[in-house]
């Protein structure tokens, strides 16, 4: 987990630097998306187990006016996902 977390932290640092020039798009798969979400929110990677990411969904990460990381939108899909159980 330490190696995954270090990689995700580098991706986030690079993305934040690139945000000075505009929006940034990141694509992640499965559990890596959970770790990415946790680390963006400045939480330990294990926090990701509390995040349900729907297949083929999108999230919008942003910051409040005090530069606090926030999930602006999460779980955006092009399909009705209300009854998706994840299995």
C-alpha atoms as a PDB file:
ATOM      1  CA  UNK A   1       0.000   0.000   0.000  1.00  0.00           C
ATOM      2  CA  UNK A   2       2.896   2.370   0.697  1.00  0.00           C
ATOM      3  CA  UNK A   3       4.104   2.189  -2.915  1.00  0.00           C
ATOM      4  CA  UNK A   4       0.596   2.756  -4.298  1.00  0.00           C
ATOM      5  CA  UNK A   5       0.088   5.703  -1.962  1.00  0.00           C
ATOM      6  CA  UNK A   6       3.429   7.249  -2.968  1.00  0.00           C
ATOM      7  CA  UNK A   7       2.541   6.942  -6.656  1.00  0.00           C
ATOM      8  CA  UNK A   8      -0.899   8.456  -6.156  1.00  0.00           C
ATOM      9  CA  UNK A   9       0.597  11.316  -4.137  1.00  0.00           C
ATOM     10  CA  UNK A  10       2.994  12.056  -7.036  1.00  0.00           C
ATOM     11  CA  UNK A  11       0.098  12.018  -9.511  1.00  0.00           C
ATOM     12  CA  UNK A  12      -1.869  14.437  -7.341  1.00  0.00           C
ATOM     13  CA  UNK A  13       1.152  16.750  -6.964  1.00  0.00           C
ATOM     14  CA  UNK A  14       1.665  16.773 -10.741  1.00  0.00           C
ATOM     15  CA  UNK A  15      -2.048  17.367 -11.345  1.00  0.00           C
ATOM     16  CA  UNK A  16      -2.144  20.267  -8.903  1.00  0.00           C
ATOM     17  CA  UNK A  17       0.836  21.858 -10.620  1.00  0.00           C
ATOM     18  CA  UNK A  18      -0.847  21.434 -14.021  1.00  0.00           C
ATOM     19  CA  UNK A  19      -4.072  22.991 -12.676  1.00  0.00           C
ATOM     20  CA  UNK A  20      -2.331  26.366 -12.766  1.00  0.00           C
ATOM     21  CA  UNK A  21      -2.833  26.197 -16.538  1.00  0.00           C
ATOM     22  CA  UNK A  22      -6.406  24.845 -16.511  1.00  0.00           C
ATOM     23  CA  UNK A  23      -8.466  21.763 -15.842  1.00  0.00           C
ATOM     24  CA  UNK A  24      -6.837  18.344 -15.464  1.00  0.00           C
ATOM     25  CA  UNK A  25      -8.357  14.951 -16.289  1.00  0.00           C
ATOM     26  CA  UNK A  26      -7.210  11.801 -14.500  1.00  0.00           C
ATOM     27  CA  UNK A  27      -8.407   8.303 -15.334  1.00  0.00           C
ATOM     28  CA  UNK A  28      -8.157   5.527 -12.755  1.00  0.00           C
ATOM     29  CA  UNK A  29      -9.393   1.980 -12.548  1.00  0.00           C
ATOM     30  CA  UNK A  30     -10.985   0.157  -9.639  1.00  0.00           C
ATOM     31  CA  UNK A  31      -9.308   0.393  -6.272  1.00  0.00           C
ATOM     32  CA  UNK A  32      -6.776   2.947  -7.468  1.00  0.00           C
ATOM     33  CA  UNK A  33      -9.679   5.384  -7.864  1.00  0.00           C
ATOM     34  CA  UNK A  34     -10.515   4.828  -4.218  1.00  0.00           C
ATOM     35  CA  UNK A  35      -6.953   5.577  -3.128  1.00  0.00           C
ATOM     36  CA  UNK A  36      -6.846   8.614  -5.415  1.00  0.00           C
ATOM     37  CA  UNK A  37     -10.041   9.933  -3.836  1.00  0.00           C
ATOM     38  CA  UNK A  38      -8.764   9.343  -0.295  1.00  0.00           C
ATOM     39  CA  UNK A  39      -5.397  10.973  -0.913  1.00  0.00           C
ATOM     40  CA  UNK A  40      -6.918  13.949  -2.756  1.00  0.00           C
ATOM     41  CA  UNK A  41      -9.046  14.537   0.344  1.00  0.00           C
ATOM     42  CA  UNK A  42      -5.850  14.324   2.441  1.00  0.00           C
ATOM     43  CA  UNK A  43      -6.974  11.094   4.091  1.00  0.00           C
ATOM     44  CA  UNK A  44      -5.007   7.877   4.576  1.00  0.00           C
ATOM     45  CA  UNK A  45      -5.329   5.435   1.665  1.00  0.00           C
ATOM     46  CA  UNK A  46      -7.429   3.091   3.804  1.00  0.00           C
ATOM     47  CA  UNK A  47     -10.180   5.733   3.769  1.00  0.00           C
ATOM     48  CA  UNK A  48     -10.802   4.622   0.187  1.00  0.00           C
ATOM     49  CA  UNK A  49     -12.666   1.537   1.394  1.00  0.00           C
ATOM     50  CA  UNK A  50     -15.485   3.903   2.400  1.00  0.00           C
ATOM     51  CA  UNK A  51     -15.807   5.185  -1.167  1.00  0.00           C
ATOM     52  CA  UNK A  52     -18.026   3.335  -3.623  1.00  0.00           C
ATOM     53  CA  UNK A  53     -17.036   4.045  -7.176  1.00  0.00           C
ATOM     54  CA  UNK A  54     -19.548   2.963  -9.795  1.00  0.00           C
ATOM     55  CA  UNK A  55     -18.259   1.395 -13.025  1.00  0.00           C
ATOM     56  CA  UNK A  56     -17.664   3.911 -15.812  1.00  0.00           C
ATOM     57  CA  UNK A  57     -18.382   6.826 -13.500  1.00  0.00           C
ATOM     58  CA  UNK A  58     -16.755  10.216 -13.185  1.00  0.00           C
ATOM     59  CA  UNK A  59     -15.908  12.518 -10.329  1.00  0.00           C
ATOM     60  CA  UNK A  60     -15.042  16.191 -10.179  1.00  0.00           C
ATOM     61  CA  UNK A  61     -12.503  17.183  -7.561  1.00  0.00           C
ATOM     62  CA  UNK A  62     -12.003  20.796  -6.620  1.00  0.00           C
ATOM     63  CA  UNK A  63     -11.118  23.203  -3.853  1.00  0.00           C
ATOM     64  CA  UNK A  64     -13.030  25.655  -1.704  1.00  0.00           C
ATOM     65  CA  UNK A  65     -11.914  29.255  -1.405  1.00  0.00           C
ATOM     66  CA  UNK A  66      -9.445  28.289   1.343  1.00  0.00           C
ATOM     67  CA  UNK A  67      -7.814  25.662  -0.933  1.00  0.00           C
ATOM     68  CA  UNK A  68      -9.400  22.785   0.988  1.00  0.00           C
ATOM     69  CA  UNK A  69      -9.831  19.764  -1.313  1.00  0.00           C
ATOM     70  CA  UNK A  70     -13.453  18.779  -1.969  1.00  0.00           C
ATOM     71  CA  UNK A  71     -15.487  16.337  -4.012  1.00  0.00           C
ATOM     72  CA  UNK A  72     -17.523  18.670  -6.182  1.00  0.00           C
ATOM     73  CA  UNK A  73     -19.331  15.842  -7.984  1.00  0.00           C
ATOM     74  CA  UNK A  74     -19.007  12.095  -7.488  1.00  0.00           C
ATOM     75  CA  UNK A  75     -20.436   8.969  -9.083  1.00  0.00           C
ATOM     76  CA  UNK A  76     -21.558  10.647 -12.296  1.00  0.00           C
ATOM     77  CA  UNK A  77     -22.748   8.048 -14.773  1.00  0.00           C
ATOM     78  CA  UNK A  78     -24.669   7.838 -18.003  1.00  0.00           C
ATOM     79  CA  UNK A  79     -26.914   5.107 -16.609  1.00  0.00           C
ATOM     80  CA  UNK A  80     -29.436   4.642 -13.811  1.00  0.00           C
ATOM     81  CA  UNK A  81     -27.331   3.462 -10.882  1.00  0.00           C
ATOM     82  CA  UNK A  82     -29.760   3.690  -7.981  1.00  0.00           C
ATOM     83  CA  UNK A  83     -29.889  -0.086  -7.468  1.00  0.00           C
ATOM     84  CA  UNK A  84     -26.307  -0.953  -8.363  1.00  0.00           C
ATOM     85  CA  UNK A  85     -24.950  -3.248  -5.645  1.00  0.00           C
ATOM     86  CA  UNK A  86     -21.356  -3.416  -6.817  1.00  0.00           C
ATOM     87  CA  UNK A  87     -21.517  -7.188  -7.286  1.00  0.00           C
END
